[in-house]
Amino acid sequence: MSVSHASVHPVVEEVATTDGGGGGEQNGVVAIPRVRMKDIQGMPGTAGGLSLRVSQFIFAAVAIYMMASTNDFPSVTAFCYLVAAASLQTLWSFSLAITDVYALLVGRSLQNYRVVSLFTIGDGVTSTLTFAAACASAGITVLIDNDLESCDQNHCVQFETATGMAFICWFTTVPSFLLNFWSLASR
């Protein structure tokens, strides 16, 4: 049985205008501007993106605070690296949160190629540094707690909390990176 398939053809309607041919009109047909798809939540300039940035900032700041609350963290290089990486993450997340707030208040889209490229590279660098610092600190924390069994003379709770906050910060940074990278790659 041979069945034909229906095909849909776009209909162009002629709209009568009173301005005499101006205003985006060509040959009596009004040119409708192209509309982009709605921005995905989590991308720059959206409320989801702002919430990711604020959570990144909070978790990195808590990691810094927990490490700084001990007096012996500078004696371990991995802990110093965690503080440095978390400090960079707080600065990056805070500056992008300010940018997101501005974009939301003004109603601008941050989907410019250069802006998305900058966000992608920055998120990639900071997420890699944060993950590496969290892994290094986790290794030292396990060494102190399990292998040396000297938690009673060290600040294991603060070290473990700071390491956990760094991992959670990384978990909130990865979606930002992936969404920006996807937006950049889909152009």
C-alpha atoms as a PDB file:
ATOM      1  CA  MET A   1       0.000   0.000   0.000  1.00  0.00           C
ATOM      2  CA  SER A   2       1.436   3.296  -1.064  1.00  0.00           C
ATOM      3  CA  VAL A   3       0.654   6.138   1.321  1.00  0.00           C
ATOM      4  CA  SER A   4       1.835   9.646   0.728  1.00  0.00           C
ATOM      5  CA  HIS A   5       3.250  11.644   3.605  1.00  0.00           C
ATOM      6  CA  ALA A   6       1.951  15.080   4.368  1.00  0.00           C
ATOM      7  CA  SER A   7       4.430  17.883   4.147  1.00  0.00           C
ATOM      8  CA  VAL A   8       4.190  21.160   5.962  1.00  0.00           C
ATOM      9  CA  HIS A   9       5.167  24.307   4.153  1.00  0.00           C
ATOM     10  CA  PRO A  10       5.607  27.603   5.958  1.00  0.00           C
ATOM     11  CA  VAL A  11       3.010  30.189   5.164  1.00  0.00           C
ATOM     12  CA  VAL A  12       4.178  33.734   4.672  1.00  0.00           C
ATOM     13  CA  GLU A  13       1.459  36.192   5.374  1.00  0.00           C
ATOM     14  CA  GLU A  14       1.454  39.612   3.889  1.00  0.00           C
ATOM     15  CA  VAL A  15       0.821  42.213   6.513  1.00  0.00           C
ATOM     16  CA  ALA A  16      -0.461  45.599   5.498  1.00  0.00           C
ATOM     17  CA  THR A  17       1.566  48.403   6.999  1.00  0.00           C
ATOM     18  CA  THR A  18       0.858  52.086   7.187  1.00  0.00           C
ATOM     19  CA  ASP A  19       4.422  53.352   7.363  1.00  0.00           C
ATOM     20  CA  GLY A  20       5.047  53.110   3.638  1.00  0.00           C
ATOM     21  CA  GLY A  21       7.565  50.307   3.356  1.00  0.00           C
ATOM     22  CA  GLY A  22       9.926  50.931   6.282  1.00  0.00           C
ATOM     23  CA  GLY A  23      10.447  48.947   9.439  1.00  0.00           C
ATOM     24  CA  GLY A  24      11.957  45.674   8.244  1.00  0.00           C
ATOM     25  CA  GLU A  25       9.613  45.135   5.354  1.00  0.00           C
ATOM     26  CA  GLN A  26      10.751  43.568   2.088  1.00  0.00           C
ATOM     27  CA  ASN A  27       8.438  43.218  -0.932  1.00  0.00           C
ATOM     28  CA  GLY A  28       5.364  43.816   1.176  1.00  0.00           C
ATOM     29  CA  VAL A  29       6.253  41.075   3.697  1.00  0.00           C
ATOM     30  CA  VAL A  30       7.211  41.960   7.272  1.00  0.00           C
ATOM     31  CA  ALA A  31      10.508  40.373   8.268  1.00  0.00           C
ATOM     32  CA  ILE A  32      10.084  38.613  11.590  1.00  0.00           C
ATOM     33  CA  PRO A  33      13.264  38.696  13.686  1.00  0.00           C
ATOM     34  CA  ARG A  34      14.848  35.373  14.527  1.00  0.00           C
ATOM     35  CA  VAL A  35      14.357  34.337  18.114  1.00  0.00           C
ATOM     36  CA  ARG A  36      16.902  32.331  20.050  1.00  0.00           C
ATOM     37  CA  MET A  37      15.886  29.419  22.183  1.00  0.00           C
ATOM     38  CA  LYS A  38      15.477  30.220  25.847  1.00  0.00           C
ATOM     39  CA  ASP A  39      18.712  30.160  27.818  1.00  0.00           C
ATOM     40  CA  ILE A  40      19.206  27.014  29.859  1.00  0.00           C
ATOM     41  CA  GLN A  41      19.281  27.551  33.625  1.00  0.00           C
ATOM     42  CA  GLY A  42      22.855  27.341  34.850  1.00  0.00           C
ATOM     43  CA  MET A  43      24.301  29.281  31.952  1.00  0.00           C
ATOM     44  CA  PRO A  44      25.750  32.755  32.528  1.00  0.00           C
ATOM     45  CA  GLY A  45      23.171  35.474  33.007  1.00  0.00           C
ATOM     46  CA  THR A  46      20.434  33.170  34.335  1.00  0.00           C
ATOM     47  CA  ALA A  47      19.088  32.670  37.846  1.00  0.00           C
ATOM     48  CA  GLY A  48      20.414  29.106  37.810  1.00  0.00           C
ATOM     49  CA  GLY A  49      23.858  30.372  36.864  1.00  0.00           C
ATOM     50  CA  LEU A  50      23.737  32.873  39.697  1.00  0.00           C
ATOM     51  CA  SER A  51      22.782  30.167  42.196  1.00  0.00           C
ATOM     52  CA  LEU A  52      25.687  27.988  41.013  1.00  0.00           C
ATOM     53  CA  ARG A  53      28.100  30.918  41.405  1.00  0.00           C
ATOM     54  CA  VAL A  54      26.838  31.776  44.879  1.00  0.00           C
ATOM     55  CA  SER A  55      27.099  28.153  46.015  1.00  0.00           C
ATOM     56  CA  GLN A  56      30.635  27.898  44.579  1.00  0.00           C
ATOM     57  CA  PHE A  57      31.586  31.028  46.483  1.00  0.00           C
ATOM     58  CA  ILE A  58      30.063  29.823  49.757  1.00  0.00           C
ATOM     59  CA  PHE A  59      31.629  26.351  49.680  1.00  0.00           C
ATOM     60  CA  ALA A  60      35.071  27.701  48.755  1.00  0.00           C
ATOM     61  CA  ALA A  61      34.852  30.369  51.466  1.00  0.00           C
ATOM     62  CA  VAL A  62      33.898  27.754  54.074  1.00  0.00           C
ATOM     63  CA  ALA A  63      36.862  25.621  52.976  1.00  0.00           C
ATOM     64  CA  ILE A  64      39.192  28.600  53.424  1.00  0.00           C
ATOM     65  CA  TYR A  65      37.674  29.459  56.790  1.00  0.00           C
ATOM     66  CA  MET A  66      37.975  25.896  58.099  1.00  0.00           C
ATOM     67  CA  MET A  67      41.625  25.667  57.050  1.00  0.00           C
ATOM     68  CA  ALA A  68      42.429  29.116  58.407  1.00  0.00           C
ATOM     69  CA  SER A  69      40.842  28.207  61.748  1.00  0.00           C
ATOM     70  CA  THR A  70      43.749  25.841  62.399  1.00  0.00           C
ATOM     71  CA  ASN A  71      47.214  27.041  63.282  1.00  0.00           C
ATOM     72  CA  ASP A  72      49.142  24.182  61.693  1.00  0.00           C
ATOM     73  CA  PHE A  73      47.792  24.078  58.119  1.00  0.00           C
ATOM     74  CA  PRO A  74      50.781  26.030  56.676  1.00  0.00           C
ATOM     75  CA  SER A  75      53.063  23.131  57.607  1.00  0.00           C
ATOM     76  CA  VAL A  76      51.430  20.898  54.960  1.00  0.00           C
ATOM     77  CA  THR A  77      51.841  21.856  51.307  1.00  0.00           C
ATOM     78  CA  ALA A  78      48.584  20.210  50.206  1.00  0.00           C
ATOM     79  CA  PHE A  79      46.619  22.282  52.708  1.00  0.00           C
ATOM     80  CA  CYS A  80      48.329  25.480  51.515  1.00  0.00           C
ATOM     81  CA  TYR A  81      47.433  24.476  47.966  1.00  0.00           C
ATOM     82  CA  LEU A  82      43.806  23.963  49.031  1.00  0.00           C
ATOM     83  CA  VAL A  83      43.683  27.459  50.525  1.00  0.00           C
ATOM     84  CA  ALA A  84      45.237  28.967  47.390  1.00  0.00           C
ATOM     85  CA  ALA A  85      42.882  27.113  45.029  1.00  0.00           C
ATOM     86  CA  ALA A  86      39.826  27.917  47.146  1.00  0.00           C
ATOM     87  CA  SER A  87      40.884  31.569  47.288  1.00  0.00           C
ATOM     88  CA  LEU A  88      41.100  31.699  43.510  1.00  0.00           C
ATOM     89  CA  GLN A  89      37.709  29.980  43.298  1.00  0.00           C
ATOM     90  CA  THR A  90      36.108  32.519  45.649  1.00  0.00           C
ATOM     91  CA  LEU A  91      37.448  35.442  43.619  1.00  0.00           C
ATOM     92  CA  TRP A  92      36.328  33.888  40.327  1.00  0.00           C
ATOM     93  CA  SER A  93      32.882  32.895  41.590  1.00  0.00           C
ATOM     94  CA  PHE A  94      32.275  36.244  43.278  1.00  0.00           C
ATOM     95  CA  SER A  95      33.204  38.227  40.170  1.00  0.00           C
ATOM     96  CA  LEU A  96      30.980  36.074  37.957  1.00  0.00           C
ATOM     97  CA  ALA A  97      28.135  36.265  40.481  1.00  0.00           C
ATOM     98  CA  ILE A  98      28.344  40.065  40.253  1.00  0.00           C
ATOM     99  CA  THR A  99      28.276  39.762  36.452  1.00  0.00           C
ATOM    100  CA  ASP A 100      25.228  37.473  36.634  1.00  0.00           C
ATOM    101  CA  VAL A 101      23.419  39.865  38.969  1.00  0.00           C
ATOM    102  CA  TYR A 102      24.107  42.722  36.560  1.00  0.00           C
ATOM    103  CA  ALA A 103      22.905  40.681  33.580  1.00  0.00           C
ATOM    104  CA  LEU A 104      19.706  39.698  35.414  1.00  0.00           C
ATOM    105  CA  LEU A 105      18.963  43.255  36.559  1.00  0.00           C
ATOM    106  CA  VAL A 106      19.573  44.802  33.152  1.00  0.00           C
ATOM    107  CA  GLY A 107      18.043  41.904  31.222  1.00  0.00           C
ATOM    108  CA  ARG A 108      21.090  41.177  29.059  1.00  0.00           C
ATOM    109  CA  SER A 109      22.090  37.838  27.670  1.00  0.00           C
ATOM    110  CA  LEU A 110      25.665  36.743  28.275  1.00  0.00           C
ATOM    111  CA  GLN A 111      25.833  34.491  25.230  1.00  0.00           C
ATOM    112  CA  ASN A 112      28.533  36.450  23.413  1.00  0.00           C
ATOM    113  CA  TYR A 113      31.237  34.157  22.002  1.00  0.00           C
ATOM    114  CA  ARG A 114      34.099  35.928  23.770  1.00  0.00           C
ATOM    115  CA  VAL A 115      32.277  36.070  27.101  1.00  0.00           C
ATOM    116  CA  VAL A 116      31.348  32.394  26.980  1.00  0.00           C
ATOM    117  CA  SER A 117      34.937  31.529  25.984  1.00  0.00           C
ATOM    118  CA  LEU A 118      36.278  33.459  28.963  1.00  0.00           C
ATOM    119  CA  PHE A 119      33.786  31.815  31.332  1.00  0.00           C
ATOM    120  CA  THR A 120      34.598  28.357  29.948  1.00  0.00           C
ATOM    121  CA  ILE A 121      38.356  28.749  30.306  1.00  0.00           C
ATOM    122  CA  GLY A 122      38.051  30.263  33.783  1.00  0.00           C
ATOM    123  CA  ASP A 123      35.671  27.563  34.980  1.00  0.00           C
ATOM    124  CA  GLY A 124      37.914  24.857  33.535  1.00  0.00           C
ATOM    125  CA  VAL A 125      41.024  26.202  35.243  1.00  0.00           C
ATOM    126  CA  THR A 126      39.405  26.847  38.621  1.00  0.00           C
ATOM    127  CA  SER A 127      37.556  23.523  38.681  1.00  0.00           C
ATOM    128  CA  THR A 128      40.743  21.619  37.851  1.00  0.00           C
ATOM    129  CA  LEU A 129      42.716  23.436  40.550  1.00  0.00           C
ATOM    130  CA  THR A 130      39.966  22.954  43.132  1.00  0.00           C
ATOM    131  CA  PHE A 131      39.638  19.251  42.363  1.00  0.00           C
ATOM    132  CA  ALA A 132      43.395  18.691  42.515  1.00  0.00           C
ATOM    133  CA  ALA A 133      43.660  20.558  45.818  1.00  0.00           C
ATOM    134  CA  ALA A 134      40.737  18.626  47.299  1.00  0.00           C
ATOM    135  CA  CYS A 135      42.275  15.304  46.246  1.00  0.00           C
ATOM    136  CA  ALA A 136      45.683  16.235  47.678  1.00  0.00           C
ATOM    137  CA  SER A 137      44.124  17.382  50.951  1.00  0.00           C
ATOM    138  CA  ALA A 138      42.027  14.232  51.151  1.00  0.00           C
ATOM    139  CA  GLY A 139      45.178  12.141  50.799  1.00  0.00           C
ATOM    140  CA  ILE A 140      46.915  13.981  53.623  1.00  0.00           C
ATOM    141  CA  THR A 141      43.801  13.830  55.805  1.00  0.00           C
ATOM    142  CA  VAL A 142      43.548  10.051  55.322  1.00  0.00           C
ATOM    143  CA  LEU A 143      47.255   9.752  56.084  1.00  0.00           C
ATOM    144  CA  ILE A 144      46.892  11.684  59.356  1.00  0.00           C
ATOM    145  CA  ASP A 145      43.678   9.950  60.413  1.00  0.00           C
ATOM    146  CA  ASN A 146      44.028   6.319  59.338  1.00  0.00           C
ATOM    147  CA  ASP A 147      47.723   5.662  58.818  1.00  0.00           C
ATOM    148  CA  LEU A 148      49.384   7.791  61.485  1.00  0.00           C
ATOM    149  CA  GLU A 149      46.425   7.671  63.868  1.00  0.00           C
ATOM    150  CA  SER A 150      47.332  11.072  65.216  1.00  0.00           C
ATOM    151  CA  CYS A 151      44.017  12.877  64.924  1.00  0.00           C
ATOM    152  CA  ASP A 152      44.005  13.640  68.615  1.00  0.00           C
ATOM    153  CA  GLN A 153      47.007  15.961  68.193  1.00  0.00           C
ATOM    154  CA  ASN A 154      45.870  17.437  64.846  1.00  0.00           C
ATOM    155  CA  HIS A 155      42.778  19.265  63.667  1.00  0.00           C
ATOM    156  CA  CYS A 156      41.320  16.391  61.666  1.00  0.00           C
ATOM    157  CA  VAL A 157      37.727  17.619  61.857  1.00  0.00           C
ATOM    158  CA  GLN A 158      38.659  20.991  60.360  1.00  0.00           C
ATOM    159  CA  PHE A 159      40.858  19.358  57.713  1.00  0.00           C
ATOM    160  CA  GLU A 160      38.123  16.906  56.735  1.00  0.00           C
ATOM    161  CA  THR A 161      35.479  19.637  56.656  1.00  0.00           C
ATOM    162  CA  ALA A 162      37.645  21.886  54.473  1.00  0.00           C
ATOM    163  CA  THR A 163      38.382  18.994  52.130  1.00  0.00           C
ATOM    164  CA  GLY A 164      34.699  18.089  51.921  1.00  0.00           C
ATOM    165  CA  MET A 165      33.743  21.710  51.174  1.00  0.00           C
ATOM    166  CA  ALA A 166      36.370  21.819  48.421  1.00  0.00           C
ATOM    167  CA  PHE A 167      34.874  18.694  46.828  1.00  0.00           C
ATOM    168  CA  ILE A 168      31.352  20.148  47.047  1.00  0.00           C
ATOM    169  CA  CYS A 169      32.668  23.378  45.529  1.00  0.00           C
ATOM    170  CA  TRP A 170      34.086  21.330  42.661  1.00  0.00           C
ATOM    171  CA  PHE A 171      30.724  19.570  42.228  1.00  0.00           C
ATOM    172  CA  THR A 172      29.071  22.975  41.778  1.00  0.00           C
ATOM    173  CA  THR A 173      31.791  24.244  39.428  1.00  0.00           C
ATOM    174  CA  VAL A 174      31.609  21.332  36.991  1.00  0.00           C
ATOM    175  CA  PRO A 175      28.018  22.076  35.814  1.00  0.00           C
ATOM    176  CA  SER A 176      29.018  25.677  35.104  1.00  0.00           C
ATOM    177  CA  PHE A 177      31.979  24.508  33.054  1.00  0.00           C
ATOM    178  CA  LEU A 178      30.005  21.868  31.163  1.00  0.00           C
ATOM    179  CA  LEU A 179      27.127  24.222  30.311  1.00  0.00           C
ATOM    180  CA  ASN A 180      29.512  26.922  29.117  1.00  0.00           C
ATOM    181  CA  PHE A 181      31.539  24.415  27.121  1.00  0.00           C
ATOM    182  CA  TRP A 182      28.363  22.981  25.577  1.00  0.00           C
ATOM    183  CA  SER A 183      27.168  26.467  24.672  1.00  0.00           C
ATOM    184  CA  LEU A 184      30.538  27.242  23.119  1.00  0.00           C
ATOM    185  CA  ALA A 185      30.690  23.961  21.193  1.00  0.00           C
ATOM    186  CA  SER A 186      27.144  24.231  19.851  1.00  0.00           C
ATOM    187  CA  ARG A 187      27.781  27.467  17.953  1.00  0.00           C
END
